[in-house]
C-alpha atoms as a PDB file:
ATOM      1  CA  MET A   1       0.000   0.000   0.000  1.00  0.00           C
ATOM      2  CA  LYS A   2       1.389   3.360  -1.019  1.00  0.00           C
ATOM      3  CA  PRO A   3       1.358   6.390   1.343  1.00  0.00           C
ATOM      4  CA  PHE A   4      -1.712   8.618   1.228  1.00  0.00           C
ATOM      5  CA  THR A   5      -3.308  11.479   3.133  1.00  0.00           C
ATOM      6  CA  TYR A   6      -6.221  10.486   5.363  1.00  0.00           C
ATOM      7  CA  VAL A   7      -8.826  13.264   5.469  1.00  0.00           C
ATOM      8  CA  VAL A   8     -11.234  13.433   8.433  1.00  0.00           C
ATOM      9  CA  PRO A   9     -13.952  15.979   7.556  1.00  0.00           C
ATOM     10  CA  SER A  10     -16.077  17.749  10.150  1.00  0.00           C
ATOM     11  CA  SER A  11     -19.061  18.316   7.847  1.00  0.00           C
ATOM     12  CA  LEU A  12     -20.687  16.946   4.719  1.00  0.00           C
ATOM     13  CA  ASP A  13     -19.731  20.083   2.794  1.00  0.00           C
ATOM     14  CA  GLU A  14     -16.093  19.611   3.799  1.00  0.00           C
ATOM     15  CA  ALA A  15     -16.174  15.966   2.748  1.00  0.00           C
ATOM     16  CA  ALA A  16     -17.741  16.863  -0.592  1.00  0.00           C
ATOM     17  CA  ALA A  17     -15.140  19.536  -1.281  1.00  0.00           C
ATOM     18  CA  ALA A  18     -12.293  17.182  -0.394  1.00  0.00           C
ATOM     19  CA  GLY A  19     -13.782  14.458  -2.555  1.00  0.00           C
ATOM     20  CA  ARG A  20     -13.595  16.681  -5.636  1.00  0.00           C
ATOM     21  CA  GLN A  21      -9.804  16.784  -5.496  1.00  0.00           C
ATOM     22  CA  ALA A  22      -7.845  14.778  -8.063  1.00  0.00           C
ATOM     23  CA  ASN A  23      -6.955  11.179  -7.196  1.00  0.00           C
ATOM     24  CA  THR A  24      -9.198  11.206  -4.118  1.00  0.00           C
ATOM     25  CA  ILE A  25     -11.398   8.366  -2.879  1.00  0.00           C
ATOM     26  CA  LEU A  26     -14.366   8.585  -0.514  1.00  0.00           C
ATOM     27  CA  LYS A  27     -14.474   5.881   2.138  1.00  0.00           C
ATOM     28  CA  GLY A  28     -17.317   4.585   4.254  1.00  0.00           C
ATOM     29  CA  ALA A  29     -16.359   1.550   6.324  1.00  0.00           C
ATOM     30  CA  GLY A  30     -13.584   0.825   3.823  1.00  0.00           C
ATOM     31  CA  ILE A  31     -13.876  -2.973   3.868  1.00  0.00           C
ATOM     32  CA  ASP A  32     -13.617  -3.280   0.086  1.00  0.00           C
ATOM     33  CA  LEU A  33     -11.370  -0.246  -0.451  1.00  0.00           C
ATOM     34  CA  VAL A  34      -8.581  -1.463   1.827  1.00  0.00           C
ATOM     35  CA  ASP A  35      -8.366  -4.741  -0.100  1.00  0.00           C
ATOM     36  CA  ARG A  36      -7.990  -2.877  -3.381  1.00  0.00           C
ATOM     37  CA  MET A  37      -5.355  -0.548  -1.975  1.00  0.00           C
ATOM     38  CA  LYS A  38      -3.338  -3.470  -0.644  1.00  0.00           C
ATOM     39  CA  GLU A  39      -3.261  -4.921  -4.152  1.00  0.00           C
ATOM     40  CA  ARG A  40      -2.327  -1.450  -5.470  1.00  0.00           C
ATOM     41  CA  LEU A  41      -5.296  -1.546  -7.787  1.00  0.00           C
ATOM     42  CA  GLN A  42      -5.985   1.931  -6.480  1.00  0.00           C
ATOM     43  CA  THR A  43      -3.300   4.249  -5.160  1.00  0.00           C
ATOM     44  CA  PRO A  44      -5.128   7.413  -4.090  1.00  0.00           C
ATOM     45  CA  THR A  45      -3.369  10.555  -2.982  1.00  0.00           C
ATOM     46  CA  ASN A  46      -6.188  11.265  -0.521  1.00  0.00           C
ATOM     47  CA  VAL A  47      -8.737   9.084   1.253  1.00  0.00           C
ATOM     48  CA  VAL A  48     -11.698  10.975   2.702  1.00  0.00           C
ATOM     49  CA  SER A  49     -13.392   9.137   5.565  1.00  0.00           C
ATOM     50  CA  LEU A  50     -17.149   9.596   5.836  1.00  0.00           C
ATOM     51  CA  LEU A  51     -17.421   7.821   9.182  1.00  0.00           C
ATOM     52  CA  PRO A  52     -17.198  11.070  11.217  1.00  0.00           C
ATOM     53  CA  LEU A  53     -20.492  12.050   9.542  1.00  0.00           C
ATOM     54  CA  LYS A  54     -22.549   9.194  10.988  1.00  0.00           C
ATOM     55  CA  ASN A  55     -24.922  11.608  12.691  1.00  0.00           C
ATOM     56  CA  GLU A  56     -25.873  12.933   9.264  1.00  0.00           C
ATOM     57  CA  LEU A  57     -25.519   9.826   7.111  1.00  0.00           C
ATOM     58  CA  ALA A  58     -26.621   6.876   9.279  1.00  0.00           C
ATOM     59  CA  GLY A  59     -29.897   5.644  10.699  1.00  0.00           C
ATOM     60  CA  LEU A  60     -33.332   4.529   9.551  1.00  0.00           C
ATOM     61  CA  SER A  61     -36.694   6.229   9.800  1.00  0.00           C
ATOM     62  CA  ILE A  62     -40.265   6.036   8.516  1.00  0.00           C
ATOM     63  CA  GLY A  63     -41.707   9.370   7.348  1.00  0.00           C
ATOM     64  CA  THR A  64     -45.244  10.576   7.874  1.00  0.00           C
ATOM     65  CA  ASP A  65     -46.001   9.452   4.327  1.00  0.00           C
ATOM     66  CA  GLY A  66     -44.787   5.945   5.140  1.00  0.00           C
ATOM     67  CA  GLU A  67     -41.532   6.277   3.195  1.00  0.00           C
ATOM     68  CA  LEU A  68     -38.532   4.365   4.505  1.00  0.00           C
ATOM     69  CA  LYS A  69     -35.292   6.348   4.634  1.00  0.00           C
ATOM     70  CA  ILE A  70     -31.994   4.496   5.023  1.00  0.00           C
ATOM     71  CA  GLY A  71     -28.904   6.555   5.737  1.00  0.00           C
ATOM     72  CA  ALA A  72     -25.938   5.678   3.535  1.00  0.00           C
ATOM     73  CA  LEU A  73     -23.737   4.826   6.545  1.00  0.00           C
ATOM     74  CA  THR A  74     -26.357   2.604   8.164  1.00  0.00           C
ATOM     75  CA  THR A  75     -24.763  -0.764   8.912  1.00  0.00           C
ATOM     76  CA  LEU A  76     -26.193  -4.007   7.604  1.00  0.00           C
ATOM     77  CA  THR A  77     -26.868  -5.112  11.179  1.00  0.00           C
ATOM     78  CA  GLN A  78     -28.905  -1.969  11.818  1.00  0.00           C
ATOM     79  CA  LEU A  79     -30.831  -2.575   8.602  1.00  0.00           C
ATOM     80  CA  GLU A  80     -31.526  -6.206   9.465  1.00  0.00           C
ATOM     81  CA  GLN A  81     -32.719  -5.389  13.006  1.00  0.00           C
ATOM     82  CA  TYR A  82     -34.894  -2.372  12.180  1.00  0.00           C
ATOM     83  CA  ALA A  83     -38.334  -3.327  13.503  1.00  0.00           C
ATOM     84  CA  PRO A  84     -40.501  -1.913  10.635  1.00  0.00           C
ATOM     85  CA  LEU A  85     -38.672  -4.214   8.206  1.00  0.00           C
ATOM     86  CA  ALA A  86     -40.486  -7.127   9.841  1.00  0.00           C
ATOM     87  CA  GLU A  87     -43.347  -6.385   7.434  1.00  0.00           C
ATOM     88  CA  ARG A  88     -43.608  -8.858   4.546  1.00  0.00           C
ATOM     89  CA  ALA A  89     -43.230  -6.015   2.064  1.00  0.00           C
ATOM     90  CA  PHE A  90     -39.623  -5.527   3.198  1.00  0.00           C
ATOM     91  CA  ALA A  91     -38.669  -9.179   3.740  1.00  0.00           C
ATOM     92  CA  ALA A  92     -36.336  -9.208   0.721  1.00  0.00           C
ATOM     93  CA  LEU A  93     -34.357  -6.256   2.042  1.00  0.00           C
ATOM     94  CA  ARG A  94     -34.173  -7.593   5.584  1.00  0.00           C
ATOM     95  CA  ASP A  95     -33.132 -11.086   4.511  1.00  0.00           C
ATOM     96  CA  SER A  96     -30.485  -9.898   2.044  1.00  0.00           C
ATOM     97  CA  ALA A  97     -28.838  -7.862   4.811  1.00  0.00           C
ATOM     98  CA  ALA A  98     -29.064 -10.758   7.275  1.00  0.00           C
ATOM     99  CA  MET A  99     -27.279 -13.250   5.022  1.00  0.00           C
ATOM    100  CA  THR A 100     -24.393 -10.982   3.987  1.00  0.00           C
ATOM    101  CA  ALA A 101     -20.876 -12.137   4.937  1.00  0.00           C
ATOM    102  CA  THR A 102     -20.507 -12.626   8.728  1.00  0.00           C
ATOM    103  CA  PRO A 103     -21.845 -10.897  11.866  1.00  0.00           C
ATOM    104  CA  GLN A 104     -18.520  -9.067  12.261  1.00  0.00           C
ATOM    105  CA  VAL A 105     -18.693  -7.702   8.714  1.00  0.00           C
ATOM    106  CA  ARG A 106     -22.371  -6.786   9.042  1.00  0.00           C
ATOM    107  CA  HIS A 107     -21.603  -4.717  12.145  1.00  0.00           C
ATOM    108  CA  ARG A 108     -19.107  -2.692  10.118  1.00  0.00           C
ATOM    109  CA  ALA A 109     -20.268  -2.727   6.486  1.00  0.00           C
ATOM    110  CA  THR A 110     -22.600   0.036   5.314  1.00  0.00           C
ATOM    111  CA  VAL A 111     -25.617   0.038   3.029  1.00  0.00           C
ATOM    112  CA  ALA A 112     -24.012   2.399   0.509  1.00  0.00           C
ATOM    113  CA  GLY A 113     -20.770   0.430   0.650  1.00  0.00           C
ATOM    114  CA  ASN A 114     -22.604  -2.771  -0.218  1.00  0.00           C
ATOM    115  CA  ILE A 115     -24.319  -1.187  -3.201  1.00  0.00           C
ATOM    116  CA  LEU A 116     -21.148   0.504  -4.474  1.00  0.00           C
ATOM    117  CA  GLN A 117     -18.873  -2.528  -4.180  1.00  0.00           C
ATOM    118  CA  PHE A 118     -16.230  -3.170  -6.790  1.00  0.00           C
ATOM    119  CA  THR A 119     -16.562  -6.441  -8.668  1.00  0.00           C
ATOM    120  CA  ARG A 120     -15.041  -9.526  -7.045  1.00  0.00           C
ATOM    121  CA  CYS A 121     -13.557 -10.781 -10.350  1.00  0.00           C
ATOM    122  CA  TRP A 122     -10.148 -12.222  -9.506  1.00  0.00           C
ATOM    123  CA  TYR A 123      -8.566 -11.002 -12.723  1.00  0.00           C
ATOM    124  CA  VAL A 124      -9.214  -7.316 -12.092  1.00  0.00           C
ATOM    125  CA  ARG A 125      -8.558  -7.557  -8.339  1.00  0.00           C
ATOM    126  CA  SER A 126      -5.100  -9.078  -8.689  1.00  0.00           C
ATOM    127  CA  GLU A 127      -1.966  -7.131  -9.524  1.00  0.00           C
ATOM    128  CA  ALA A 128      -0.718 -10.252 -11.318  1.00  0.00           C
ATOM    129  CA  PHE A 129      -3.143  -9.789 -14.228  1.00  0.00           C
ATOM    130  CA  ARG A 130      -3.641  -7.058 -16.801  1.00  0.00           C
ATOM    131  CA  CYS A 131      -7.398  -6.785 -17.164  1.00  0.00           C
ATOM    132  CA  LEU A 132      -9.507  -4.555 -19.438  1.00  0.00           C
ATOM    133  CA  HIS A 133     -11.894  -3.483 -16.663  1.00  0.00           C
ATOM    134  CA  GLY A 134      -8.949  -2.436 -14.529  1.00  0.00           C
ATOM    135  CA  GLY A 135      -7.572  -0.341 -17.384  1.00  0.00           C
ATOM    136  CA  ARG A 136      -4.330  -2.305 -17.420  1.00  0.00           C
ATOM    137  CA  GLY A 137      -4.879  -4.686 -20.325  1.00  0.00           C
ATOM    138  CA  PRO A 138      -6.456  -5.057 -23.769  1.00  0.00           C
ATOM    139  CA  THR A 139      -9.138  -7.666 -23.042  1.00  0.00           C
ATOM    140  CA  CYS A 140     -11.418  -9.271 -20.476  1.00  0.00           C
ATOM    141  CA  LEU A 141      -9.353 -12.205 -19.253  1.00  0.00           C
ATOM    142  CA  ALA A 142     -12.342 -13.976 -17.726  1.00  0.00           C
ATOM    143  CA  MET A 143     -13.958 -14.506 -21.127  1.00  0.00           C
ATOM    144  CA  THR A 144     -11.436 -17.222 -21.956  1.00  0.00           C
ATOM    145  CA  GLY A 145     -10.090 -17.913 -18.455  1.00  0.00           C
ATOM    146  CA  ASP A 146     -11.659 -19.225 -15.266  1.00  0.00           C
ATOM    147  CA  ASN A 147     -15.168 -17.780 -15.456  1.00  0.00           C
ATOM    148  CA  ARG A 148     -17.189 -20.006 -13.135  1.00  0.00           C
ATOM    149  CA  TYR A 149     -18.555 -17.017 -11.143  1.00  0.00           C
ATOM    150  CA  HIS A 150     -18.981 -14.584 -14.017  1.00  0.00           C
ATOM    151  CA  SER A 151     -21.844 -13.242 -16.143  1.00  0.00           C
ATOM    152  CA  VAL A 152     -24.271 -15.327 -18.138  1.00  0.00           C
ATOM    153  CA  MET A 153     -26.211 -12.344 -19.491  1.00  0.00           C
ATOM    154  CA  GLY A 154     -26.199  -8.574 -19.892  1.00  0.00           C
ATOM    155  CA  TRP A 155     -22.496  -8.234 -20.677  1.00  0.00           C
ATOM    156  CA  LEU A 156     -20.821  -6.426 -23.560  1.00  0.00           C
ATOM    157  CA  ASP A 157     -17.008  -6.540 -23.417  1.00  0.00           C
ATOM    158  CA  CYS A 158     -16.537  -7.531 -19.753  1.00  0.00           C
ATOM    159  CA  VAL A 159     -18.124 -10.500 -17.958  1.00  0.00           C
ATOM    160  CA  ARG A 160     -17.762  -9.264 -14.372  1.00  0.00           C
ATOM    161  CA  VAL A 161     -20.787  -9.584 -12.096  1.00  0.00           C
ATOM    162  CA  HIS A 162     -22.125  -6.996  -9.680  1.00  0.00           C
ATOM    163  CA  PRO A 163     -21.571  -8.304  -6.126  1.00  0.00           C
ATOM    164  CA  SER A 164     -24.193  -6.343  -4.158  1.00  0.00           C
ATOM    165  CA  ASN A 165     -26.953  -8.421  -2.607  1.00  0.00           C
ATOM    166  CA  LEU A 166     -28.835  -5.357  -1.312  1.00  0.00           C
ATOM    167  CA  ALA A 167     -29.218  -3.870  -4.791  1.00  0.00           C
ATOM    168  CA  PRO A 168     -31.690  -6.458  -6.206  1.00  0.00           C
ATOM    169  CA  PRO A 169     -34.269  -6.096  -3.382  1.00  0.00           C
ATOM    170  CA  LEU A 170     -33.911  -2.314  -3.388  1.00  0.00           C
ATOM    171  CA  LEU A 171     -34.521  -2.278  -7.146  1.00  0.00           C
ATOM    172  CA  ALA A 172     -37.457  -4.638  -6.732  1.00  0.00           C
ATOM    173  CA  LEU A 173     -38.949  -2.166  -4.236  1.00  0.00           C
ATOM    174  CA  ASP A 174     -38.341   0.720  -6.701  1.00  0.00           C
ATOM    175  CA  ALA A 175     -35.953   2.484  -4.338  1.00  0.00           C
ATOM    176  CA  GLU A 176     -34.395   5.882  -4.941  1.00  0.00           C
ATOM    177  CA  TYR A 177     -31.125   7.378  -3.767  1.00  0.00           C
ATOM    178  CA  SER A 178     -30.013  10.860  -2.740  1.00  0.00           C
ATOM    179  CA  THR A 179     -26.596  12.397  -3.349  1.00  0.00           C
ATOM    180  CA  VAL A 180     -24.817  15.674  -2.746  1.00  0.00           C
ATOM    181  CA  LEU A 181     -22.312  17.234  -5.159  1.00  0.00           C
ATOM    182  CA  ASP A 182     -21.050  20.824  -5.133  1.00  0.00           C
ATOM    183  CA  GLY A 183     -23.709  21.709  -2.593  1.00  0.00           C
ATOM    184  CA  LYS A 184     -26.539  20.398  -4.784  1.00  0.00           C
ATOM    185  CA  VAL A 185     -28.783  17.607  -3.535  1.00  0.00           C
ATOM    186  CA  ARG A 186     -30.215  15.216  -6.119  1.00  0.00           C
ATOM    187  CA  ARG A 187     -32.648  12.313  -5.813  1.00  0.00           C
ATOM    188  CA  ARG A 188     -32.931   9.688  -8.524  1.00  0.00           C
ATOM    189  CA  ARG A 189     -34.206   6.166  -9.100  1.00  0.00           C
ATOM    190  CA  LEU A 190     -31.748   3.561  -7.887  1.00  0.00           C
ATOM    191  CA  ALA A 191     -31.708   2.068 -11.390  1.00  0.00           C
ATOM    192  CA  ASP A 192     -29.876   5.224 -12.527  1.00  0.00           C
ATOM    193  CA  LEU A 193     -26.969   4.396 -10.211  1.00  0.00           C
ATOM    194  CA  PHE A 194     -25.884   1.541 -12.474  1.00  0.00           C
ATOM    195  CA  PRO A 195     -24.526   2.104 -16.017  1.00  0.00           C
ATOM    196  CA  ALA A 196     -26.977   1.508 -18.849  1.00  0.00           C
ATOM    197  CA  GLU A 197     -24.066   0.052 -20.831  1.00  0.00           C
ATOM    198  CA  PRO A 198     -21.829  -1.877 -18.426  1.00  0.00           C
ATOM    199  CA  ARG A 199     -18.731  -1.742 -20.613  1.00  0.00           C
ATOM    200  CA  ALA A 200     -15.272  -2.468 -19.280  1.00  0.00           C
ATOM    201  CA  GLN A 201     -14.309   1.220 -19.187  1.00  0.00           C
ATOM    202  CA  ASN A 202     -17.361   2.067 -17.071  1.00  0.00           C
ATOM    203  CA  PRO A 203     -17.197   1.724 -13.288  1.00  0.00           C
ATOM    204  CA  GLU A 204     -19.813  -0.193 -11.310  1.00  0.00           C
ATOM    205  CA  HIS A 205     -21.769   3.008 -10.695  1.00  0.00           C
ATOM    206  CA  THR A 206     -22.565   6.333 -12.372  1.00  0.00           C
ATOM    207  CA  LEU A 207     -21.511   8.675  -9.552  1.00  0.00           C
ATOM    208  CA  GLU A 208     -19.378  11.672 -10.466  1.00  0.00           C
ATOM    209  CA  GLN A 209     -16.037  12.361  -8.798  1.00  0.00           C
ATOM    210  CA  GLY A 210     -16.769  13.541  -5.266  1.00  0.00           C
ATOM    211  CA  GLU A 211     -20.492  12.784  -5.400  1.00  0.00           C
ATOM    212  CA  ILE A 212     -21.624  11.376  -2.058  1.00  0.00           C
ATOM    213  CA  VAL A 213     -24.575   9.035  -1.578  1.00  0.00           C
ATOM    214  CA  THR A 214     -26.441  10.285   1.488  1.00  0.00           C
ATOM    215  CA  ALA A 215     -29.504   8.031   1.708  1.00  0.00           C
ATOM    216  CA  LEU A 216     -31.727   5.396   0.112  1.00  0.00           C
ATOM    217  CA  HIS A 217     -35.497   5.841  -0.026  1.00  0.00           C
ATOM    218  CA  VAL A 218     -38.265   3.253  -0.353  1.00  0.00           C
ATOM    219  CA  LYS A 219     -41.801   4.571  -0.758  1.00  0.00           C
ATOM    220  CA  LYS A 220     -44.680   3.108   1.216  1.00  0.00           C
ATOM    221  CA  GLN A 221     -45.733  -0.130  -0.428  1.00  0.00           C
ATOM    222  CA  PRO A 222     -49.348  -0.888  -1.397  1.00  0.00           C
ATOM    223  CA  ASP A 223     -51.432  -3.139   0.821  1.00  0.00           C
ATOM    224  CA  GLY A 224     -50.799  -6.767  -0.027  1.00  0.00           C
ATOM    225  CA  THR A 225     -47.151  -6.223  -0.959  1.00  0.00           C
ATOM    226  CA  ARG A 226     -44.778  -9.076  -0.217  1.00  0.00           C
ATOM    227  CA  SER A 227     -41.141  -9.542  -1.172  1.00  0.00           C
ATOM    228  CA  ALA A 228     -38.474 -12.219  -0.966  1.00  0.00           C
ATOM    229  CA  TYR A 229     -34.783 -12.571  -1.662  1.00  0.00           C
ATOM    230  CA  CYS A 230     -32.950 -15.840  -2.291  1.00  0.00           C
ATOM    231  CA  GLU A 231     -29.418 -16.592  -3.399  1.00  0.00           C
ATOM    232  CA  SER A 232     -27.146 -19.545  -4.065  1.00  0.00           C
ATOM    233  CA  ARG A 233     -23.537 -19.675  -2.928  1.00  0.00           C
ATOM    234  CA  GLU A 234     -20.841 -22.231  -2.232  1.00  0.00           C
ATOM    235  CA  LYS A 235     -20.407 -21.542   1.489  1.00  0.00           C
ATOM    236  CA  ALA A 236     -23.028 -20.986   4.170  1.00  0.00           C
ATOM    237  CA  SER A 237     -21.233 -17.879   5.432  1.00  0.00           C
ATOM    238  CA  PHE A 238     -18.747 -15.235   4.293  1.00  0.00           C
ATOM    239  CA  ASP A 239     -19.312 -15.823   0.609  1.00  0.00           C
ATOM    240  CA  TRP A 240     -20.733 -14.008  -2.401  1.00  0.00           C
ATOM    241  CA  ALA A 241     -23.771 -15.192  -4.307  1.00  0.00           C
ATOM    242  CA  THR A 242     -23.383 -17.284  -7.438  1.00  0.00           C
ATOM    243  CA  THR A 243     -26.971 -16.453  -8.417  1.00  0.00           C
ATOM    244  CA  ALA A 244     -29.610 -14.312  -6.710  1.00  0.00           C
ATOM    245  CA  CYS A 245     -33.178 -13.121  -7.166  1.00  0.00           C
ATOM    246  CA  ALA A 246     -35.368 -10.530  -5.471  1.00  0.00           C
ATOM    247  CA  VAL A 247     -39.088 -10.505  -6.137  1.00  0.00           C
ATOM    248  CA  ARG A 248     -41.899  -8.184  -5.115  1.00  0.00           C
ATOM    249  CA  VAL A 249     -45.539  -9.071  -5.566  1.00  0.00           C
ATOM    250  CA  VAL A 250     -48.736  -7.239  -4.675  1.00  0.00           C
ATOM    251  CA  MET A 251     -51.462  -9.717  -3.800  1.00  0.00           C
ATOM    252  CA  ASP A 252     -55.142  -8.942  -4.354  1.00  0.00           C
ATOM    253  CA  GLY A 253     -56.851 -11.827  -2.654  1.00  0.00           C
ATOM    254  CA  GLY A 254     -55.356 -14.894  -4.291  1.00  0.00           C
ATOM    255  CA  THR A 255     -54.261 -13.073  -7.447  1.00  0.00           C
ATOM    256  CA  ILE A 256     -50.984 -11.276  -8.208  1.00  0.00           C
ATOM    257  CA  ALA A 257     -51.893  -7.691  -9.087  1.00  0.00           C
ATOM    258  CA  ASP A 258     -48.350  -6.395  -9.649  1.00  0.00           C
ATOM    259  CA  ALA A 259     -44.857  -7.879  -9.654  1.00  0.00           C
ATOM    260  CA  THR A 260     -41.162  -7.158 -10.050  1.00  0.00           C
ATOM    261  CA  VAL A 261     -38.314  -9.630 -10.625  1.00  0.00           C
ATOM    262  CA  VAL A 262     -34.637  -8.638 -10.317  1.00  0.00           C
ATOM    263  CA  LEU A 263     -31.665 -10.965 -10.801  1.00  0.00           C
ATOM    264  CA  GLY A 264     -28.326 -10.602  -9.067  1.00  0.00           C
ATOM    265  CA  ALA A 265     -24.857 -12.126  -9.490  1.00  0.00           C
ATOM    266  CA  VAL A 266     -25.445 -13.062 -13.131  1.00  0.00           C
ATOM    267  CA  ALA A 267     -24.642  -9.809 -14.975  1.00  0.00           C
ATOM    268  CA  PRO A 268     -22.369  -6.748 -14.660  1.00  0.00           C
ATOM    269  CA  VAL A 269     -25.292  -4.867 -13.060  1.00  0.00           C
ATOM    270  CA  PRO A 270     -28.324  -5.962 -10.999  1.00  0.00           C
ATOM    271  CA  LEU A 271     -30.790  -6.998 -13.681  1.00  0.00           C
ATOM    272  CA  PRO A 272     -34.556  -6.293 -13.617  1.00  0.00           C
ATOM    273  CA  ARG A 273     -36.535  -8.764 -15.746  1.00  0.00           C
ATOM    274  CA  PRO A 274     -39.800  -6.991 -16.627  1.00  0.00           C
ATOM    275  CA  ALA A 275     -40.901  -9.594 -19.181  1.00  0.00           C
ATOM    276  CA  ALA A 276     -40.725 -12.282 -16.522  1.00  0.00           C
ATOM    277  CA  ALA A 277     -42.565 -10.128 -13.983  1.00  0.00           C
ATOM    278  CA  LYS A 278     -45.341  -9.384 -16.494  1.00  0.00           C
ATOM    279  CA  LEU A 279     -46.199 -13.086 -16.667  1.00  0.00           C
ATOM    280  CA  LEU A 280     -47.195 -12.980 -12.990  1.00  0.00           C
ATOM    281  CA  VAL A 281     -49.709 -10.148 -13.233  1.00  0.00           C
ATOM    282  CA  GLY A 282     -53.320 -11.267 -13.089  1.00  0.00           C
ATOM    283  CA  GLN A 283     -52.327 -14.842 -12.281  1.00  0.00           C
ATOM    284  CA  LYS A 284     -52.695 -17.057  -9.230  1.00  0.00           C
ATOM    285  CA  PRO A 285     -49.423 -18.354  -7.726  1.00  0.00           C
ATOM    286  CA  GLY A 286     -48.490 -21.825  -8.850  1.00  0.00           C
ATOM    287  CA  THR A 287     -45.609 -24.149  -9.661  1.00  0.00           C
ATOM    288  CA  ALA A 288     -46.175 -24.130 -13.415  1.00  0.00           C
ATOM    289  CA  LEU A 289     -46.408 -20.334 -13.500  1.00  0.00           C
ATOM    290  CA  PHE A 290     -43.239 -19.903 -11.468  1.00  0.00           C
ATOM    291  CA  ALA A 291     -41.345 -22.304 -13.743  1.00  0.00           C
ATOM    292  CA  LYS A 292     -42.418 -20.270 -16.776  1.00  0.00           C
ATOM    293  CA  VAL A 293     -41.349 -17.024 -15.073  1.00  0.00           C
ATOM    294  CA  ALA A 294     -37.960 -18.518 -14.222  1.00  0.00           C
ATOM    295  CA  GLU A 295     -37.394 -19.610 -17.816  1.00  0.00           C
ATOM    296  CA  THR A 296     -38.321 -16.152 -19.064  1.00  0.00           C
ATOM    297  CA  ALA A 297     -36.060 -14.474 -16.496  1.00  0.00           C
ATOM    298  CA  PHE A 298     -33.070 -16.238 -18.062  1.00  0.00           C
ATOM    299  CA  ALA A 299     -34.182 -15.890 -21.670  1.00  0.00           C
ATOM    300  CA  GLY A 300     -31.287 -14.841 -23.890  1.00  0.00           C
ATOM    301  CA  ALA A 301     -28.620 -15.979 -21.447  1.00  0.00           C
ATOM    302  CA  SER A 302     -25.229 -16.894 -22.931  1.00  0.00           C
ATOM    303  CA  PRO A 303     -23.251 -18.923 -20.400  1.00  0.00           C
ATOM    304  CA  LEU A 304     -19.490 -19.114 -20.636  1.00  0.00           C
ATOM    305  CA  VAL A 305     -17.389 -22.278 -20.602  1.00  0.00           C
ATOM    306  CA  HIS A 306     -17.400 -22.746 -16.826  1.00  0.00           C
ATOM    307  CA  ASN A 307     -20.639 -21.164 -15.584  1.00  0.00           C
ATOM    308  CA  GLY A 308     -23.480 -22.930 -17.372  1.00  0.00           C
ATOM    309  CA  TYR A 309     -24.666 -24.179 -13.971  1.00  0.00           C
ATOM    310  CA  LYS A 310     -25.894 -20.625 -13.266  1.00  0.00           C
ATOM    311  CA  LEU A 311     -28.852 -21.128 -15.583  1.00  0.00           C
ATOM    312  CA  THR A 312     -30.087 -24.256 -13.787  1.00  0.00           C
ATOM    313  CA  VAL A 313     -29.390 -22.926 -10.299  1.00  0.00           C
ATOM    314  CA  GLY A 314     -30.570 -19.409 -11.102  1.00  0.00           C
ATOM    315  CA  LYS A 315     -33.944 -20.621 -12.335  1.00  0.00           C
ATOM    316  CA  ALA A 316     -34.369 -22.628  -9.146  1.00  0.00           C
ATOM    317  CA  ILE A 317     -33.578 -19.508  -7.109  1.00  0.00           C
ATOM    318  CA  VAL A 318     -36.228 -17.515  -9.016  1.00  0.00           C
ATOM    319  CA  ARG A 319     -38.807 -20.214  -8.279  1.00  0.00           C
ATOM    320  CA  GLN A 320     -37.782 -20.299  -4.625  1.00  0.00           C
ATOM    321  CA  ALA A 321     -38.084 -16.530  -4.244  1.00  0.00           C
ATOM    322  CA  LEU A 322     -41.545 -16.548  -5.824  1.00  0.00           C
ATOM    323  CA  GLU A 323     -42.682 -19.397  -3.594  1.00  0.00           C
ATOM    324  CA  GLU A 324     -41.479 -17.576  -0.476  1.00  0.00           C
ATOM    325  CA  ALA A 325     -43.124 -14.309  -1.492  1.00  0.00           C
ATOM    326  CA  THR A 326     -46.507 -15.873  -2.191  1.00  0.00           C
ATOM    327  CA  LYS A 327     -46.831 -18.574   0.488  1.00  0.00           C
END
């Protein structure tokens, strides 16, 4: 790790101004950042810590309009244990936080940090390789290398996968996010945080230099809303998903009145599947329906040499999520 200046701001404005400086990185808990700096994948001149701003950027609340606000520095443990998330509408969000990594990591890791994670692809994260996404090589090495954990859909010139497990349920719940940049506060749909074209030269997010995520927002859900999140992985703890799915359904009696399906861990960005969700609307839950939705969710997939299993397992995860949401 190369020497750097550690900036401890006393206000959000000070942090934002410091973050605009060249070769500067903003840090929340820093769990992912420290790993990258050790590998010298990133060698910032300045690291601006946001942790002194917990009073402004952490915590959860329900507004008078029923909207859920999640501070960017809220830990995964705080998210998991927040009492209002016991509602079935928020089950996907609660469960995704609860199954992340280990209790020690969840006590430290932040909501914004989880969503803004750098890909776990071993080619870009190792100094030993010259990878296109890392800007150090001419091609995506995973395309012809060991690609067992990589994309099966949605990729262009890089087959990395997005590692966040909070992003799919937040997208399924149509969440929004707030940022501050140059004193201006903006609020946008969470879908806008991820690049429309996830090319190798594009980062995992669309934030500008120095732009700080301050909060996530989830509007009050209609009566009858239920959600679920399921994922597959190789280890029971401290592992990343190999496939994932978040679903949201609005039940009207025994019929599905509205639905959203979002895949995770199978593409360079969390991947909504509106065509699959549309099949659910106006239908009664059932095994045959869920199998058809799962097939549609993976329509157009192009598995690589070593990750064809993701189609079989991923479809099972979609079915499982739908069963949990509608039982």
